[in-house]
């Protein structure tokens, strides 16, 4: 009996380190998840003097104007294949999309800023009435360039403002893109509709065949040629 009791005590003692390790792992996962949630709360703060700052905490000054960064519709995430882990995480949380049009100098400047900083982004072009209508619904305006960083909308191009928003989202100050990385090609905001395939024409119904007309036979007893 004593020997059996000692074996049970030994098993419990051996299991305690594993239980403590599992508990520590669970606590670590909870803390990590909590940190990710807190990292998503970013605020754009405009002070009484008009100065714009970004912070993950609301300001203590009541007169300041607070705008949550995540206050609009989510954007479409660009392809994250082959990106470093840190960039993949950012692209997943705060995808960047540039809305542009042809012959748009500010659009070119914004595109160059994103490329120089090494920000993976998708580009949607506005070149049709359907594109303009979709952009109007998204941004409230037809003006380009228009930038989305996660759920944040940024109208117009301002190098300083774009830089502040990208830094607030956590994008690196300089490019860490792998050598040979190529941005996905620009695509229309609204995919063009494929032309409808004409339905195959059915075979016209055959006209009813008329019975053959036979010439009346001559009948000496019926000079008028009347037939019954």
C-alpha atoms as a PDB file:
ATOM      1  CA  UNK A   1       0.000   0.000   0.000  1.00  0.00           C
ATOM      2  CA  UNK A   2       2.800   2.401   0.906  1.00  0.00           C
ATOM      3  CA  UNK A   3       4.591   1.705  -2.341  1.00  0.00           C
ATOM      4  CA  UNK A   4       1.441   2.410  -4.385  1.00  0.00           C
ATOM      5  CA  UNK A   5       0.817   5.707  -2.561  1.00  0.00           C
ATOM      6  CA  UNK A   6       4.361   6.863  -3.226  1.00  0.00           C
ATOM      7  CA  UNK A   7       4.024   6.139  -6.932  1.00  0.00           C
ATOM      8  CA  UNK A   8       0.881   8.276  -7.113  1.00  0.00           C
ATOM      9  CA  UNK A   9       2.634  11.143  -5.354  1.00  0.00           C
ATOM     10  CA  UNK A  10       5.539  10.877  -7.762  1.00  0.00           C
ATOM     11  CA  UNK A  11       3.204  11.038 -10.788  1.00  0.00           C
ATOM     12  CA  UNK A  12       1.497  14.181  -9.472  1.00  0.00           C
ATOM     13  CA  UNK A  13       4.834  15.803  -8.743  1.00  0.00           C
ATOM     14  CA  UNK A  14       6.055  15.038 -12.251  1.00  0.00           C
ATOM     15  CA  UNK A  15       2.872  16.471 -13.796  1.00  0.00           C
ATOM     16  CA  UNK A  16       3.103  19.801 -11.942  1.00  0.00           C
ATOM     17  CA  UNK A  17       5.869  21.298 -14.126  1.00  0.00           C
ATOM     18  CA  UNK A  18       3.891  20.478 -17.281  1.00  0.00           C
ATOM     19  CA  UNK A  19       0.761  22.062 -15.821  1.00  0.00           C
ATOM     20  CA  UNK A  20       2.707  25.177 -14.843  1.00  0.00           C
ATOM     21  CA  UNK A  21       4.162  25.372 -18.366  1.00  0.00           C
ATOM     22  CA  UNK A  22       0.731  25.090 -20.001  1.00  0.00           C
ATOM     23  CA  UNK A  23      -0.638  27.780 -17.694  1.00  0.00           C
ATOM     24  CA  UNK A  24       2.253  30.081 -18.550  1.00  0.00           C
ATOM     25  CA  UNK A  25       1.704  29.518 -22.270  1.00  0.00           C
ATOM     26  CA  UNK A  26      -2.012  30.290 -21.946  1.00  0.00           C
ATOM     27  CA  UNK A  27      -1.266  33.504 -20.075  1.00  0.00           C
ATOM     28  CA  UNK A  28       1.277  34.472 -22.707  1.00  0.00           C
ATOM     29  CA  UNK A  29      -1.212  33.934 -25.516  1.00  0.00           C
ATOM     30  CA  UNK A  30      -3.811  36.045 -23.724  1.00  0.00           C
ATOM     31  CA  UNK A  31      -1.296  38.815 -23.179  1.00  0.00           C
ATOM     32  CA  UNK A  32      -0.217  38.680 -26.827  1.00  0.00           C
ATOM     33  CA  UNK A  33      -3.796  38.875 -28.036  1.00  0.00           C
ATOM     34  CA  UNK A  34      -4.446  41.779 -25.713  1.00  0.00           C
ATOM     35  CA  UNK A  35      -1.379  43.566 -27.040  1.00  0.00           C
ATOM     36  CA  UNK A  36      -2.548  43.127 -30.622  1.00  0.00           C
ATOM     37  CA  UNK A  37      -5.931  44.582 -29.804  1.00  0.00           C
ATOM     38  CA  UNK A  38      -4.395  47.552 -28.071  1.00  0.00           C
ATOM     39  CA  UNK A  39      -2.008  48.128 -30.964  1.00  0.00           C
ATOM     40  CA  UNK A  40      -4.961  48.605 -33.286  1.00  0.00           C
ATOM     41  CA  UNK A  41      -6.296  51.591 -31.336  1.00  0.00           C
ATOM     42  CA  UNK A  42      -4.569  54.554 -33.024  1.00  0.00           C
ATOM     43  CA  UNK A  43      -5.879  58.114 -32.793  1.00  0.00           C
ATOM     44  CA  UNK A  44      -5.316  61.195 -34.950  1.00  0.00           C
ATOM     45  CA  UNK A  45      -5.295  64.142 -32.566  1.00  0.00           C
ATOM     46  CA  UNK A  46      -5.683  67.773 -33.620  1.00  0.00           C
ATOM     47  CA  UNK A  47      -4.722  70.110 -30.772  1.00  0.00           C
ATOM     48  CA  UNK A  48      -6.202  73.564 -30.071  1.00  0.00           C
ATOM     49  CA  UNK A  49      -3.291  75.096 -32.021  1.00  0.00           C
ATOM     50  CA  UNK A  50      -4.051  72.916 -35.073  1.00  0.00           C
ATOM     51  CA  UNK A  51      -1.048  70.629 -34.618  1.00  0.00           C
ATOM     52  CA  UNK A  52      -1.690  67.049 -35.743  1.00  0.00           C
ATOM     53  CA  UNK A  53      -0.256  64.164 -33.719  1.00  0.00           C
ATOM     54  CA  UNK A  54      -0.818  60.412 -33.613  1.00  0.00           C
ATOM     55  CA  UNK A  55      -1.050  58.292 -30.485  1.00  0.00           C
ATOM     56  CA  UNK A  56      -2.425  54.991 -29.214  1.00  0.00           C
ATOM     57  CA  UNK A  57      -4.007  56.799 -26.236  1.00  0.00           C
ATOM     58  CA  UNK A  58      -6.731  59.472 -26.209  1.00  0.00           C
ATOM     59  CA  UNK A  59      -5.434  62.936 -25.238  1.00  0.00           C
ATOM     60  CA  UNK A  60      -5.972  64.381 -21.789  1.00  0.00           C
ATOM     61  CA  UNK A  61      -6.886  67.806 -23.213  1.00  0.00           C
ATOM     62  CA  UNK A  62     -10.661  68.020 -23.710  1.00  0.00           C
ATOM     63  CA  UNK A  63     -10.289  70.711 -26.406  1.00  0.00           C
ATOM     64  CA  UNK A  64      -8.405  68.373 -28.711  1.00  0.00           C
ATOM     65  CA  UNK A  65     -10.209  66.861 -31.681  1.00  0.00           C
ATOM     66  CA  UNK A  66      -9.889  63.063 -31.735  1.00  0.00           C
ATOM     67  CA  UNK A  67     -10.366  60.933 -34.834  1.00  0.00           C
ATOM     68  CA  UNK A  68      -9.936  57.149 -34.477  1.00  0.00           C
ATOM     69  CA  UNK A  69      -7.809  55.779 -37.270  1.00  0.00           C
ATOM     70  CA  UNK A  70     -10.086  52.730 -37.653  1.00  0.00           C
ATOM     71  CA  UNK A  71     -13.302  54.611 -38.357  1.00  0.00           C
ATOM     72  CA  UNK A  72     -14.268  53.649 -41.891  1.00  0.00           C
ATOM     73  CA  UNK A  73     -14.741  50.768 -44.262  1.00  0.00           C
ATOM     74  CA  UNK A  74     -11.859  48.285 -44.490  1.00  0.00           C
ATOM     75  CA  UNK A  75      -9.640  48.363 -47.528  1.00  0.00           C
ATOM     76  CA  UNK A  76      -8.563  45.503 -49.718  1.00  0.00           C
ATOM     77  CA  UNK A  77      -5.327  43.884 -48.636  1.00  0.00           C
ATOM     78  CA  UNK A  78      -2.586  43.652 -51.277  1.00  0.00           C
ATOM     79  CA  UNK A  79      -0.850  40.372 -51.966  1.00  0.00           C
ATOM     80  CA  UNK A  80       1.541  39.581 -49.092  1.00  0.00           C
ATOM     81  CA  UNK A  81       3.316  36.626 -50.686  1.00  0.00           C
ATOM     82  CA  UNK A  82       7.073  36.681 -50.131  1.00  0.00           C
ATOM     83  CA  UNK A  83       7.044  39.610 -47.697  1.00  0.00           C
ATOM     84  CA  UNK A  84       8.962  39.620 -44.409  1.00  0.00           C
ATOM     85  CA  UNK A  85       6.942  38.557 -41.384  1.00  0.00           C
ATOM     86  CA  UNK A  86       6.680  42.095 -39.983  1.00  0.00           C
ATOM     87  CA  UNK A  87       5.283  43.449 -43.253  1.00  0.00           C
ATOM     88  CA  UNK A  88       2.850  40.548 -43.597  1.00  0.00           C
ATOM     89  CA  UNK A  89       1.429  41.411 -40.192  1.00  0.00           C
ATOM     90  CA  UNK A  90       1.043  45.081 -41.137  1.00  0.00           C
ATOM     91  CA  UNK A  91      -0.516  44.284 -44.498  1.00  0.00           C
ATOM     92  CA  UNK A  92      -3.018  42.043 -42.746  1.00  0.00           C
ATOM     93  CA  UNK A  93      -4.003  44.712 -40.181  1.00  0.00           C
ATOM     94  CA  UNK A  94      -3.557  47.935 -42.182  1.00  0.00           C
ATOM     95  CA  UNK A  95      -3.616  47.199 -45.938  1.00  0.00           C
ATOM     96  CA  UNK A  96      -2.762  50.189 -48.120  1.00  0.00           C
ATOM     97  CA  UNK A  97      -4.710  50.966 -51.291  1.00  0.00           C
ATOM     98  CA  UNK A  98      -4.083  53.874 -53.663  1.00  0.00           C
ATOM     99  CA  UNK A  99      -6.923  55.132 -55.858  1.00  0.00           C
ATOM    100  CA  UNK A 100      -5.567  57.001 -58.863  1.00  0.00           C
ATOM    101  CA  UNK A 101      -6.214  58.055 -62.444  1.00  0.00           C
ATOM    102  CA  UNK A 102      -4.160  58.767 -65.534  1.00  0.00           C
ATOM    103  CA  UNK A 103      -2.524  62.173 -66.062  1.00  0.00           C
ATOM    104  CA  UNK A 104      -2.605  62.824 -62.296  1.00  0.00           C
ATOM    105  CA  UNK A 105       0.630  64.357 -60.979  1.00  0.00           C
ATOM    106  CA  UNK A 106      -0.367  64.067 -57.277  1.00  0.00           C
ATOM    107  CA  UNK A 107      -1.152  60.377 -57.897  1.00  0.00           C
ATOM    108  CA  UNK A 108       2.359  59.910 -59.293  1.00  0.00           C
ATOM    109  CA  UNK A 109       3.848  61.642 -56.246  1.00  0.00           C
ATOM    110  CA  UNK A 110       1.878  59.444 -53.863  1.00  0.00           C
ATOM    111  CA  UNK A 111       2.879  56.297 -55.727  1.00  0.00           C
ATOM    112  CA  UNK A 112       6.556  57.289 -55.568  1.00  0.00           C
ATOM    113  CA  UNK A 113       6.306  57.981 -51.821  1.00  0.00           C
ATOM    114  CA  UNK A 114       4.833  54.544 -51.136  1.00  0.00           C
ATOM    115  CA  UNK A 115       7.423  52.828 -53.336  1.00  0.00           C
ATOM    116  CA  UNK A 116      10.345  54.726 -51.813  1.00  0.00           C
ATOM    117  CA  UNK A 117       9.231  53.836 -48.302  1.00  0.00           C
ATOM    118  CA  UNK A 118       8.729  50.196 -49.250  1.00  0.00           C
ATOM    119  CA  UNK A 119       5.009  50.066 -48.459  1.00  0.00           C
ATOM    120  CA  UNK A 120       3.219  47.163 -50.189  1.00  0.00           C
ATOM    121  CA  UNK A 121       0.040  48.583 -51.701  1.00  0.00           C
ATOM    122  CA  UNK A 122      -2.717  47.856 -54.168  1.00  0.00           C
ATOM    123  CA  UNK A 123      -3.681  50.406 -56.788  1.00  0.00           C
ATOM    124  CA  UNK A 124      -7.176  50.948 -58.149  1.00  0.00           C
ATOM    125  CA  UNK A 125      -7.633  53.145 -61.203  1.00  0.00           C
ATOM    126  CA  UNK A 126     -10.584  55.433 -61.861  1.00  0.00           C
ATOM    127  CA  UNK A 127     -11.206  55.473 -65.593  1.00  0.00           C
ATOM    128  CA  UNK A 128     -14.918  54.844 -66.123  1.00  0.00           C
ATOM    129  CA  UNK A 129     -18.268  56.083 -64.911  1.00  0.00           C
ATOM    130  CA  UNK A 130     -18.647  52.911 -62.851  1.00  0.00           C
ATOM    131  CA  UNK A 131     -15.250  53.538 -61.208  1.00  0.00           C
ATOM    132  CA  UNK A 132     -16.199  57.129 -60.377  1.00  0.00           C
ATOM    133  CA  UNK A 133     -19.518  56.029 -58.886  1.00  0.00           C
ATOM    134  CA  UNK A 134     -17.821  53.407 -56.720  1.00  0.00           C
ATOM    135  CA  UNK A 135     -15.219  55.919 -55.533  1.00  0.00           C
ATOM    136  CA  UNK A 136     -17.986  58.388 -54.687  1.00  0.00           C
ATOM    137  CA  UNK A 137     -19.646  55.774 -52.478  1.00  0.00           C
ATOM    138  CA  UNK A 138     -16.341  54.911 -50.823  1.00  0.00           C
ATOM    139  CA  UNK A 139     -14.861  58.352 -50.219  1.00  0.00           C
ATOM    140  CA  UNK A 140     -17.734  60.778 -50.665  1.00  0.00           C
ATOM    141  CA  UNK A 141     -15.876  62.431 -53.544  1.00  0.00           C
ATOM    142  CA  UNK A 142     -14.534  61.722 -57.022  1.00  0.00           C
ATOM    143  CA  UNK A 143     -11.179  63.406 -56.309  1.00  0.00           C
ATOM    144  CA  UNK A 144      -7.910  61.494 -56.634  1.00  0.00           C
ATOM    145  CA  UNK A 145      -5.498  60.542 -55.274  1.00  0.00           C
ATOM    146  CA  UNK A 146      -7.335  58.823 -52.465  1.00  0.00           C
ATOM    147  CA  UNK A 147      -5.517  56.589 -49.984  1.00  0.00           C
ATOM    148  CA  UNK A 148      -6.751  54.006 -47.514  1.00  0.00           C
ATOM    149  CA  UNK A 149      -4.576  52.628 -44.710  1.00  0.00           C
ATOM    150  CA  UNK A 150      -6.559  49.898 -43.072  1.00  0.00           C
ATOM    151  CA  UNK A 151      -9.891  51.556 -42.408  1.00  0.00           C
ATOM    152  CA  UNK A 152      -8.469  55.084 -42.460  1.00  0.00           C
ATOM    153  CA  UNK A 153      -9.335  57.315 -45.420  1.00  0.00           C
ATOM    154  CA  UNK A 154      -6.909  60.029 -46.558  1.00  0.00           C
ATOM    155  CA  UNK A 155      -8.151  62.367 -49.299  1.00  0.00           C
ATOM    156  CA  UNK A 156      -5.651  64.176 -51.499  1.00  0.00           C
ATOM    157  CA  UNK A 157      -1.867  63.958 -51.437  1.00  0.00           C
ATOM    158  CA  UNK A 158       0.252  65.434 -48.674  1.00  0.00           C
ATOM    159  CA  UNK A 159       3.683  63.900 -48.161  1.00  0.00           C
ATOM    160  CA  UNK A 160       3.780  64.870 -44.484  1.00  0.00           C
ATOM    161  CA  UNK A 161       0.263  63.611 -43.736  1.00  0.00           C
ATOM    162  CA  UNK A 162       0.752  60.330 -45.592  1.00  0.00           C
ATOM    163  CA  UNK A 163       4.036  59.806 -43.773  1.00  0.00           C
ATOM    164  CA  UNK A 164       2.392  60.417 -40.393  1.00  0.00           C
ATOM    165  CA  UNK A 165      -0.422  57.967 -41.096  1.00  0.00           C
ATOM    166  CA  UNK A 166       1.972  55.287 -42.334  1.00  0.00           C
ATOM    167  CA  UNK A 167       4.184  55.733 -39.265  1.00  0.00           C
ATOM    168  CA  UNK A 168       1.154  55.571 -36.977  1.00  0.00           C
ATOM    169  CA  UNK A 169       0.140  52.287 -38.593  1.00  0.00           C
ATOM    170  CA  UNK A 170       3.634  50.927 -37.927  1.00  0.00           C
ATOM    171  CA  UNK A 171       5.120  50.797 -41.425  1.00  0.00           C
ATOM    172  CA  UNK A 172       8.948  51.008 -41.397  1.00  0.00           C
ATOM    173  CA  UNK A 173      10.573  54.358 -42.121  1.00  0.00           C
ATOM    174  CA  UNK A 174      12.712  52.774 -44.856  1.00  0.00           C
ATOM    175  CA  UNK A 175      12.078  49.866 -47.208  1.00  0.00           C
ATOM    176  CA  UNK A 176      12.571  46.311 -45.990  1.00  0.00           C
ATOM    177  CA  UNK A 177      11.042  44.781 -49.104  1.00  0.00           C
ATOM    178  CA  UNK A 178      12.919  41.779 -50.487  1.00  0.00           C
ATOM    179  CA  UNK A 179      15.075  42.259 -53.563  1.00  0.00           C
ATOM    180  CA  UNK A 180      13.069  41.744 -56.715  1.00  0.00           C
ATOM    181  CA  UNK A 181       9.707  42.554 -55.118  1.00  0.00           C
ATOM    182  CA  UNK A 182       7.177  43.785 -57.643  1.00  0.00           C
ATOM    183  CA  UNK A 183       3.990  45.576 -56.749  1.00  0.00           C
ATOM    184  CA  UNK A 184       0.802  44.052 -58.155  1.00  0.00           C
ATOM    185  CA  UNK A 185      -0.364  45.766 -61.348  1.00  0.00           C
ATOM    186  CA  UNK A 186      -2.989  48.475 -61.079  1.00  0.00           C
ATOM    187  CA  UNK A 187      -6.541  47.370 -61.804  1.00  0.00           C
ATOM    188  CA  UNK A 188      -9.846  49.188 -62.368  1.00  0.00           C
ATOM    189  CA  UNK A 189     -11.848  49.828 -59.226  1.00  0.00           C
ATOM    190  CA  UNK A 190     -14.834  48.148 -60.860  1.00  0.00           C
ATOM    191  CA  UNK A 191     -14.023  45.086 -62.923  1.00  0.00           C
ATOM    192  CA  UNK A 192     -15.307  45.545 -66.485  1.00  0.00           C
ATOM    193  CA  UNK A 193     -18.295  43.445 -67.281  1.00  0.00           C
ATOM    194  CA  UNK A 194     -17.774  40.656 -69.756  1.00  0.00           C
ATOM    195  CA  UNK A 195     -19.865  40.997 -72.916  1.00  0.00           C
ATOM    196  CA  UNK A 196     -22.932  38.852 -72.773  1.00  0.00           C
ATOM    197  CA  UNK A 197     -22.651  35.720 -74.849  1.00  0.00           C
ATOM    198  CA  UNK A 198     -25.413  35.737 -77.437  1.00  0.00           C
ATOM    199  CA  UNK A 199     -27.786  32.901 -77.030  1.00  0.00           C
ATOM    200  CA  UNK A 200     -27.715  30.394 -79.893  1.00  0.00           C
ATOM    201  CA  UNK A 201     -30.525  30.998 -82.266  1.00  0.00           C
ATOM    202  CA  UNK A 202     -33.003  28.196 -82.409  1.00  0.00           C
ATOM    203  CA  UNK A 203     -33.842  26.485 -85.683  1.00  0.00           C
ATOM    204  CA  UNK A 204     -36.749  28.217 -87.365  1.00  0.00           C
ATOM    205  CA  UNK A 205     -39.809  26.011 -87.483  1.00  0.00           C
ATOM    206  CA  UNK A 206     -40.291  24.431 -90.827  1.00  0.00           C
ATOM    207  CA  UNK A 207     -43.107  25.870 -92.855  1.00  0.00           C
ATOM    208  CA  UNK A 208     -45.952  23.441 -93.332  1.00  0.00           C
ATOM    209  CA  UNK A 209     -45.697  21.743 -96.661  1.00  0.00           C
ATOM    210  CA  UNK A 210     -48.516  22.435 -99.014  1.00  0.00           C
ATOM    211  CA  UNK A 211     -50.026  19.478-100.771  1.00  0.00           C
ATOM    212  CA  UNK A 212     -48.863  19.204-104.334  1.00  0.00           C
ATOM    213  CA  UNK A 213     -51.127  20.856-106.866  1.00  0.00           C
ATOM    214  CA  UNK A 214     -52.140  18.583-109.634  1.00  0.00           C
ATOM    215  CA  UNK A 215     -53.320  19.840-112.943  1.00  0.00           C
ATOM    216  CA  UNK A 216     -56.937  18.957-113.701  1.00  0.00           C
ATOM    217  CA  UNK A 217     -57.329  16.150-116.071  1.00  0.00           C
ATOM    218  CA  UNK A 218     -59.366  16.739-119.134  1.00  0.00           C
ATOM    219  CA  UNK A 219     -62.806  15.219-118.984  1.00  0.00           C
ATOM    220  CA  UNK A 220     -64.986  15.448-122.014  1.00  0.00           C
ATOM    221  CA  UNK A 221     -68.022  15.125-119.802  1.00  0.00           C
ATOM    222  CA  UNK A 222     -66.893  18.042-117.598  1.00  0.00           C
ATOM    223  CA  UNK A 223     -65.862  20.852-119.961  1.00  0.00           C
ATOM    224  CA  UNK A 224     -65.517  23.413-117.088  1.00  0.00           C
ATOM    225  CA  UNK A 225     -62.907  21.229-115.353  1.00  0.00           C
ATOM    226  CA  UNK A 226     -64.712  21.275-111.990  1.00  0.00           C
ATOM    227  CA  UNK A 227     -63.267  18.876-109.428  1.00  0.00           C
ATOM    228  CA  UNK A 228     -64.773  17.480-106.248  1.00  0.00           C
END
